[in-house]
Amino acid sequence: MSSVFVDPEIEPVMRTISHEENATAALCAEALQNSEKEEVLNFLRRRPIHTVCMSSYIQDHGIISPLNRGVFYGCRNSEGKLEGVALIGHATLLETENEGALKSFAQLNQQFAGAHLIRGQHEMIARFWRYFTQMGHGPRRACRESLFQQTHAPDMAESTTELRTASLVDLDVITAINAQMILDECGINPLLKHPAGFRERITRRIEQGRVWVSSEDNQLVFKADVFAETPEMSYVEGVYVHPEKRGQGYGLRCMAQLGRILLRRSNAICLLVNERKKELTRFYQKAGYEFHDTYDTIYLDTQSN
């Protein structure tokens, strides 16, 4: 069994809620169909900052697609109205205010042996975790994150004019950077675990025009991935600034330019920052992002799933 690392700020919440008795009846969860696409998207649009990844998956691939790396489920009440939507698979993402739906989604999640992480609003994940741990599952690693949002890109005295969408010429260096960032965050090197699939996903994102880079002297010095994009919200991750360019305002200028580009296509931009990374928090605040909510990301011990 792999060792368990739990953020000390999160562990008390997990320990307290995992032993609570709760008689909430689970709603019936059923796999969603492509014919329900518009209904599901309308449900998710109610809180776009929290549902941008699920909405983007559906818009890009449809409800049923291996590219979603999981299955979309819905919970309906007695009148047939959607009470919750979840993507359950490699990553578990949830949108519901209904306790019965959370219980049902937790029961489904435990059936996916390859489940890697659970992510969402702190309060929602705490409630979900109550049901999930009752089935004998535990975390491998957990972190508290801040959800930031930007609706107006700041004006910078200097602008970066070389920001461009990445091409497949950049694939190798982007793959290496992203792999190192994932290893640092969750302790798993995707180039060792699933190298072909990891490379394919980055290739697809580049081909979608969702990786933005800046280079100097034939060296990549800035990178940002637009992981998800809808008319309501863009979700950015994997922001990288070359070590030699840090502390010089280069990253801020690139982020400001990226903000101006994305805000012409989406109403707002959001991203997550590990609460322990105080310098990153200050960086994004300088780049015009404001705190919106607290998130939890729980990396699962797949051997116990």
Foldseek 3Di string as FASTA:
>chain_A
DAAAAEDPVCVVLLVVLQPDDDDDAAFDKDFDDLVCLVVVLVVCVVDCLQCQLVNQCCVVPNQDDVVLQFTKIFGADPVRHTAWIWGAHLEIGIDHPDLNNLLNVLVVNVVHLNHFKYKGFPVSVSSSSNNNCNVPWDFRYKFKKFKWKFQAWDDDPDADPQKFQDDVVCLVVLLVLVQVVCCVPPVDRCCVVPVVVSSVVSNVQSVVSFKIFGDDPPHTAWIKGQSGDDQAETEIDSTGGPPVCPPVCPSLNNLSVVQVVRVVRHSMYMYMDGPVCVVVVVSVVSRRIDTDGMMMMTTTDSVRD
